[in-house]
């Protein structure tokens, strides 16, 4: 992430003091219990990135960089009668680079032994939160488990963590390495199996990091994540990492209800690698971009609405391309082409 950044212009007011942060009774009923209290603050930031193939029309003429605006939001679901202390950014570990606000907020939650859901786009820096969790557990002589949805990710993270922390093990079903390690990397299915068997390891775990927690929405495998979270002991704290989880606060409230502990939601909409839309015309030898990007962004939600909307979107796009690029007007906009 840091290599992609040229400068970081944080044009925002500093984090408000704890007593000035918006703290309100959200009036939400939590599975028949009293309403939770939500602590909320937001920050609006700007930073400069290299264009890297993006539309350079918005780039600064002097620096050649593109200024991107984004926001960071922090909320927390709290059990009734919980003695809540507002967060104060004071990370216990230093890094060779400046942490983003969402990383600082997440780390502070870990320092206070409170679970956190981190929602940030790919390459935004969620791994920093996972690494900090592992470092805290190793420093406190605690066991921590890092889970991922697929073996390839588990193998990759095992190699990365092994370089950073020596006391790391791997359990994927195909291979088992150092199962007595303080930090264990495994797939979620392996952890559920250990919970079913009443493994002694699970009684020693203090923290569990769930990478790609949005897999819980998967129709076939989602039950694995749900059962695993429910079966874990109440004394376990969680770090949930995801790039795409639309109902983050609803999920946090479920964690609060299930394990009777606070669960924070730290969200940022910053994309280190901004999306750029392109089209490859049939029979063409180039890429159509520029003005097309806005039209694709506007039309895309309609394509997901069903097959009935696809031909209409295709006809409109065909007409738009005819005016934009004569070669692109040769695109075939059939229902089959624009299916979901």
Protein backbone atom coordinates (compact mmCIF):
# COMPACT_ATOMS: atom_id res chain seq x y z
CA UNK A 1 0.00 0.00 0.00
CA UNK A 2 2.72 2.43 0.95
CA UNK A 3 4.51 2.03 -2.37
CA UNK A 4 1.42 3.27 -4.20
CA UNK A 5 1.22 6.46 -2.18
CA UNK A 6 3.09 9.57 -3.20
CA UNK A 7 1.95 11.84 -0.42
CA UNK A 8 -0.80 11.76 2.15
CA UNK A 9 -2.70 15.01 2.52
CA UNK A 10 -5.06 14.60 5.46
CA UNK A 11 -7.22 17.68 5.08
CA UNK A 12 -9.55 17.00 7.96
CA UNK A 13 -10.13 18.08 11.49
CA UNK A 14 -8.37 15.91 14.10
CA UNK A 15 -10.27 13.11 15.79
CA UNK A 16 -12.72 14.70 18.21
CA UNK A 17 -12.11 14.31 21.91
CA UNK A 18 -13.92 11.33 23.47
CA UNK A 19 -16.47 13.54 25.19
CA UNK A 20 -17.26 15.32 21.91
CA UNK A 21 -17.77 12.23 19.80
CA UNK A 22 -21.31 11.49 18.81
CA UNK A 23 -22.63 8.96 21.29
CA UNK A 24 -26.28 8.13 21.04
CA UNK A 25 -28.89 5.55 21.84
CA UNK A 26 -29.64 4.13 18.44
CA UNK A 27 -32.99 2.82 19.58
CA UNK A 28 -32.22 -0.62 18.21
CA UNK A 29 -33.67 -3.75 19.76
CA UNK A 30 -31.08 -6.48 19.94
CA UNK A 31 -32.86 -9.83 19.77
CA UNK A 32 -35.38 -8.74 22.40
CA UNK A 33 -32.82 -7.12 24.70
CA UNK A 34 -32.31 -3.46 25.49
CA UNK A 35 -30.99 -1.11 22.85
CA UNK A 36 -27.28 -0.99 22.19
CA UNK A 37 -25.27 2.21 22.25
CA UNK A 38 -23.40 3.20 19.12
CA UNK A 39 -20.26 5.30 19.27
CA UNK A 40 -19.73 7.07 15.96
CA UNK A 41 -17.18 9.40 14.48
CA UNK A 42 -16.10 10.08 10.92
CA UNK A 43 -13.10 11.63 9.23
CA UNK A 44 -12.88 13.00 5.68
CA UNK A 45 -9.44 12.77 4.14
CA UNK A 46 -7.60 13.37 0.90
CA UNK A 47 -4.44 11.84 -0.48
CA UNK A 48 -2.44 11.90 -3.68
CA UNK A 49 -1.67 8.82 -5.76
CA UNK A 50 0.11 8.22 -9.02
CA UNK A 51 -2.26 8.11 -12.03
CA UNK A 52 -1.01 4.61 -13.03
CA UNK A 53 -3.11 4.41 -16.18
CA UNK A 54 -6.04 6.39 -14.80
CA UNK A 55 -7.65 9.27 -16.60
CA UNK A 56 -5.05 12.03 -16.16
CA UNK A 57 -7.45 14.89 -16.88
CA UNK A 58 -7.98 15.38 -13.13
CA UNK A 59 -4.27 15.19 -12.28
CA UNK A 60 -2.48 18.13 -10.72
CA UNK A 61 -0.49 19.96 -13.39
CA UNK A 62 2.49 20.55 -11.10
CA UNK A 63 2.82 17.15 -9.44
CA UNK A 64 1.06 14.97 -12.00
CA UNK A 65 -0.78 13.17 -9.19
CA UNK A 66 -4.49 12.53 -8.72
CA UNK A 67 -6.13 13.66 -5.47
CA UNK A 68 -8.58 11.10 -4.07
CA UNK A 69 -11.10 11.86 -1.34
CA UNK A 70 -12.26 9.19 1.11
CA UNK A 71 -13.75 8.83 4.55
CA UNK A 72 -13.18 6.68 7.64
CA UNK A 73 -16.05 5.65 9.91
CA UNK A 74 -15.89 3.98 13.34
CA UNK A 75 -18.92 2.49 15.12
CA UNK A 76 -19.35 0.02 17.95
CA UNK A 77 -22.18 -2.21 19.15
CA UNK A 78 -22.18 -2.51 22.95
CA UNK A 79 -23.99 -4.98 25.23
CA UNK A 80 -26.45 -3.50 27.73
CA UNK A 81 -24.81 -2.21 30.94
CA UNK A 82 -21.31 -2.56 29.47
CA UNK A 83 -18.76 -0.11 30.94
CA UNK A 84 -17.66 1.44 27.66
CA UNK A 85 -14.58 3.64 27.37
CA UNK A 86 -14.36 5.75 24.19
CA UNK A 87 -11.34 5.06 22.03
CA UNK A 88 -8.18 7.16 22.22
CA UNK A 89 -5.69 6.69 19.39
CA UNK A 90 -2.53 5.48 21.14
CA UNK A 91 -1.08 2.48 19.28
CA UNK A 92 1.23 0.28 21.33
CA UNK A 93 3.45 -0.66 18.40
CA UNK A 94 5.31 1.65 16.04
CA UNK A 95 5.70 1.15 12.30
CA UNK A 96 8.16 2.51 9.73
CA UNK A 97 5.24 4.28 8.03
CA UNK A 98 2.32 6.37 9.19
CA UNK A 99 -0.77 4.32 9.92
CA UNK A 100 -4.06 5.22 8.30
CA UNK A 101 -6.87 6.35 10.64
CA UNK A 102 -8.75 3.07 10.19
CA UNK A 103 -5.63 1.12 11.15
CA UNK A 104 -5.10 3.26 14.26
CA UNK A 105 -8.72 2.81 15.33
CA UNK A 106 -8.59 -0.94 14.80
CA UNK A 107 -5.34 -1.30 16.72
CA UNK A 108 -6.75 0.67 19.65
CA UNK A 109 -9.66 -1.78 19.83
CA UNK A 110 -7.18 -4.65 20.03
CA UNK A 111 -5.26 -2.86 22.78
CA UNK A 112 -8.50 -2.66 24.77
CA UNK A 113 -9.33 -6.36 24.20
CA UNK A 114 -12.43 -5.55 22.17
CA UNK A 115 -13.43 -7.24 18.92
CA UNK A 116 -13.38 -5.29 15.67
CA UNK A 117 -14.65 -5.69 12.11
CA UNK A 118 -12.38 -3.94 9.59
CA UNK A 119 -14.04 -3.16 6.26
CA UNK A 120 -11.58 -1.78 3.71
CA UNK A 121 -10.90 -2.29 0.02
CA UNK A 122 -8.23 -4.63 -1.28
CA UNK A 123 -4.66 -3.37 -0.65
CA UNK A 124 -5.91 -0.77 1.85
CA UNK A 125 -3.82 -2.30 4.66
CA UNK A 126 -6.05 -4.72 6.57
CA UNK A 127 -3.13 -7.12 7.05
CA UNK A 128 -1.51 -4.58 9.39
CA UNK A 129 -4.40 -5.14 11.81
CA UNK A 130 -3.96 -8.92 11.65
CA UNK A 131 -0.21 -8.66 12.22
CA UNK A 132 -0.71 -6.34 15.18
CA UNK A 133 -3.17 -8.81 16.72
CA UNK A 134 -0.62 -11.61 16.42
CA UNK A 135 2.14 -9.43 17.89
CA UNK A 136 -0.04 -8.49 20.87
CA UNK A 137 -0.93 -12.12 21.56
CA UNK A 138 2.68 -13.28 21.37
CA UNK A 139 3.76 -10.46 23.68
CA UNK A 140 1.05 -11.43 26.20
CA UNK A 141 1.85 -15.17 25.95
CA UNK A 142 -1.55 -15.87 24.36
CA UNK A 143 -2.57 -18.12 21.49
CA UNK A 144 -4.08 -16.67 18.33
CA UNK A 145 -5.62 -18.29 15.26
CA UNK A 146 -5.66 -16.78 11.78
CA UNK A 147 -8.28 -18.32 9.48
CA UNK A 148 -8.82 -17.94 5.75
CA UNK A 149 -11.38 -19.42 3.35
CA UNK A 150 -8.95 -21.30 1.09
CA UNK A 151 -5.73 -23.26 1.52
CA UNK A 152 -3.75 -21.08 -0.88
CA UNK A 153 -4.30 -18.00 1.30
CA UNK A 154 -3.44 -19.98 4.43
CA UNK A 155 -0.17 -21.17 2.89
CA UNK A 156 0.70 -17.64 1.78
CA UNK A 157 -0.06 -16.10 5.17
CA UNK A 158 1.89 -18.82 6.95
CA UNK A 159 5.01 -17.94 4.96
CA UNK A 160 4.49 -14.21 5.57
CA UNK A 161 3.88 -14.57 9.31
CA UNK A 162 6.77 -17.01 9.70
CA UNK A 163 9.15 -14.32 8.43
CA UNK A 164 7.71 -11.78 10.90
CA UNK A 165 7.07 -14.07 13.90
CA UNK A 166 8.97 -17.28 14.59
CA UNK A 167 6.27 -19.04 16.64
CA UNK A 168 3.85 -19.85 13.78
CA UNK A 169 2.17 -23.10 12.73
CA UNK A 170 0.02 -24.23 9.78
CA UNK A 171 -2.99 -26.58 9.67
CA UNK A 172 -4.85 -26.98 6.36
CA UNK A 173 -5.82 -30.66 6.26
CA UNK A 174 -3.18 -31.41 3.62
CA UNK A 175 -0.28 -30.36 5.82
CA UNK A 176 0.32 -29.75 9.52
CA UNK A 177 3.37 -27.76 10.64
CA UNK A 178 4.19 -26.92 14.25
CA UNK A 179 0.66 -27.41 15.66
CA UNK A 180 1.85 -26.37 19.14
CA UNK A 181 2.75 -22.85 17.95
CA UNK A 182 1.24 -19.81 19.64
CA UNK A 183 0.01 -18.52 16.27
CA UNK A 184 -1.81 -21.05 14.10
CA UNK A 185 -2.83 -20.41 10.49
CA UNK A 186 -5.65 -22.61 9.22
CA UNK A 187 -8.78 -22.76 7.09
CA UNK A 188 -12.12 -22.08 8.75
CA UNK A 189 -13.22 -25.69 8.16
CA UNK A 190 -10.25 -26.96 10.16
CA UNK A 191 -11.11 -24.70 13.08
CA UNK A 192 -14.73 -25.84 13.05
CA UNK A 193 -13.57 -29.45 13.12
CA UNK A 194 -11.36 -28.68 16.13
CA UNK A 195 -14.33 -27.12 17.91
CA UNK A 196 -16.44 -30.20 17.18
CA UNK A 197 -13.75 -32.43 18.70
CA UNK A 198 -13.33 -30.22 21.76
CA UNK A 199 -9.66 -29.63 20.98
CA UNK A 200 -7.54 -28.38 23.88
CA UNK A 201 -6.11 -25.73 21.56
CA UNK A 202 -9.46 -23.98 21.30
CA UNK A 203 -9.62 -23.57 25.08
CA UNK A 204 -6.30 -21.71 25.02
CA UNK A 205 -7.11 -19.26 22.22
CA UNK A 206 -7.48 -15.58 23.11
CA UNK A 207 -7.99 -14.06 19.64
CA UNK A 208 -9.22 -15.32 16.27
CA UNK A 209 -8.64 -13.42 13.03
CA UNK A 210 -11.22 -14.19 10.34
CA UNK A 211 -9.93 -13.11 6.93
CA UNK A 212 -12.51 -12.68 4.14
CA UNK A 213 -15.38 -12.86 6.65
CA UNK A 214 -17.85 -12.07 3.84
CA UNK A 215 -17.63 -15.77 2.94
CA UNK A 216 -20.24 -16.16 5.66
CA UNK A 217 -22.78 -15.07 3.02
CA UNK A 218 -21.88 -18.00 0.77
CA UNK A 219 -24.89 -20.27 0.31
CA UNK A 220 -22.90 -23.49 0.57
CA UNK A 221 -19.99 -22.67 2.90
CA UNK A 222 -21.39 -19.78 4.93
CA UNK A 223 -22.67 -22.13 7.63
CA UNK A 224 -19.04 -23.02 8.44
CA UNK A 225 -18.30 -19.45 9.53
CA UNK A 226 -21.58 -19.11 11.39
CA UNK A 227 -21.11 -22.33 13.37
CA UNK A 228 -17.46 -21.56 14.10
CA UNK A 229 -18.25 -18.13 15.53
CA UNK A 230 -21.12 -19.48 17.63
CA UNK A 231 -19.09 -22.40 19.01
CA UNK A 232 -16.07 -20.32 20.04
CA UNK A 233 -15.86 -19.59 23.80
CA UNK A 234 -17.13 -16.23 25.04
CA UNK A 235 -13.68 -15.20 26.27
CA UNK A 236 -12.34 -15.23 22.70
CA UNK A 237 -12.06 -11.87 20.92
CA UNK A 238 -12.33 -11.42 17.17
CA UNK A 239 -10.78 -9.52 14.29
CA UNK A 240 -12.92 -9.72 11.15
CA UNK A 241 -11.41 -8.58 7.84
CA UNK A 242 -13.42 -7.94 4.70
CA UNK A 243 -13.47 -5.80 1.58
CA UNK A 244 -17.16 -6.35 0.87
CA UNK A 245 -19.59 -6.56 3.78
CA UNK A 246 -22.60 -4.27 3.31
CA UNK A 247 -24.36 -5.01 6.62
CA UNK A 248 -21.38 -4.46 8.90
CA UNK A 249 -23.27 -3.00 11.87
CA UNK A 250 -25.90 -5.74 11.72
CA UNK A 251 -23.08 -8.30 11.85
CA UNK A 252 -21.45 -6.47 14.79
CA UNK A 253 -24.74 -6.47 16.70
CA UNK A 254 -25.01 -10.23 16.13
CA UNK A 255 -21.52 -10.72 17.57
CA UNK A 256 -22.47 -8.55 20.55
CA UNK A 257 -25.57 -10.64 21.17
CA UNK A 258 -23.85 -14.01 20.64
CA UNK A 259 -20.75 -13.43 22.74
CA UNK A 260 -21.87 -10.61 25.05
CA UNK A 261 -18.95 -8.36 24.16
CA UNK A 262 -18.48 -5.12 22.20
CA UNK A 263 -17.76 -5.33 18.50
CA UNK A 264 -16.43 -2.28 16.68
CA UNK A 265 -16.87 -1.54 12.99
CA UNK A 266 -14.06 0.44 11.36
CA UNK A 267 -14.72 1.31 7.73
CA UNK A 268 -12.85 3.23 5.06
CA UNK A 269 -13.87 3.76 1.44
CA UNK A 270 -10.35 4.55 0.21
CA UNK A 271 -9.13 2.56 -2.81
CA UNK A 272 -5.33 2.51 -3.18
CA UNK A 273 -5.94 1.30 -6.73
CA UNK A 274 -8.98 3.21 -8.07
CA UNK A 275 -11.26 1.40 -10.50
CA UNK A 276 -11.18 2.38 -14.17
CA UNK A 277 -13.73 1.03 -16.66
CA UNK A 278 -12.68 -0.12 -20.13
CA UNK A 279 -14.38 -1.78 -23.10
CA UNK A 280 -12.80 -4.02 -25.74
CA UNK A 281 -14.89 -3.60 -28.94
CA UNK A 282 -15.49 -6.73 -31.00
CA UNK A 283 -13.10 -6.67 -33.94
CA UNK A 284 -11.31 -3.61 -32.59
CA UNK A 285 -7.64 -3.33 -31.78
CA UNK A 286 -7.77 -0.95 -28.85
CA UNK A 287 -9.51 0.02 -25.63
CA UNK A 288 -12.42 2.42 -25.40
CA UNK A 289 -12.27 4.46 -22.22
CA UNK A 290 -12.62 8.11 -21.25
CA UNK A 291 -16.24 9.25 -21.47
CA UNK A 292 -17.38 5.62 -21.50
CA UNK A 293 -16.38 5.14 -17.86
CA UNK A 294 -19.20 7.29 -16.56
CA UNK A 295 -21.79 5.56 -18.73
CA UNK A 296 -20.68 2.09 -17.66
CA UNK A 297 -20.85 3.14 -14.02
CA UNK A 298 -24.38 4.43 -14.51
CA UNK A 299 -25.59 1.39 -16.44
CA UNK A 300 -23.91 -1.35 -14.39
CA UNK A 301 -26.55 -1.53 -11.60
CA UNK A 302 -29.25 -2.12 -14.23
CA UNK A 303 -27.49 -5.14 -15.67
CA UNK A 304 -27.75 -6.87 -12.29
CA UNK A 305 -31.50 -6.30 -12.19
CA UNK A 306 -32.34 -9.23 -14.45
CA UNK A 307 -32.28 -10.24 -18.10
CA UNK A 308 -35.09 -7.87 -18.98
CA UNK A 309 -32.90 -4.85 -18.37
CA UNK A 310 -29.95 -6.18 -20.37
CA UNK A 311 -31.20 -5.55 -23.93
CA UNK A 312 -32.24 -1.99 -23.04
CA UNK A 313 -28.83 -1.28 -21.54
CA UNK A 314 -27.17 -2.85 -24.55
CA UNK A 315 -29.17 -0.73 -27.01
CA UNK A 316 -28.34 2.46 -25.12
CA UNK A 317 -24.66 1.57 -24.92
CA UNK A 318 -24.61 0.79 -28.64
CA UNK A 319 -26.05 4.22 -29.42
CA UNK A 320 -23.63 5.94 -27.06
CA UNK A 321 -20.64 4.16 -28.58
CA UNK A 322 -21.75 5.06 -32.09
CA UNK A 323 -21.33 8.72 -31.20
CA UNK A 324 -18.13 8.16 -29.26
CA UNK A 325 -16.11 5.81 -31.45
CA UNK A 326 -17.13 4.50 -34.86
CA UNK A 327 -15.17 1.29 -34.42
CA UNK A 328 -16.86 0.58 -31.11
CA UNK A 329 -20.33 0.83 -32.67
CA UNK A 330 -19.75 -2.63 -34.15
CA UNK A 331 -20.28 -4.19 -30.69
CA UNK A 332 -22.93 -6.91 -30.58
CA UNK A 333 -25.35 -5.96 -27.81
CA UNK A 334 -27.40 -9.13 -27.62
CA UNK A 335 -29.18 -10.44 -24.56
CA UNK A 336 -26.57 -13.17 -24.30
CA UNK A 337 -23.78 -10.59 -24.27
CA UNK A 338 -25.28 -8.58 -21.43
CA UNK A 339 -26.49 -11.41 -19.24
CA UNK A 340 -25.54 -11.27 -15.56
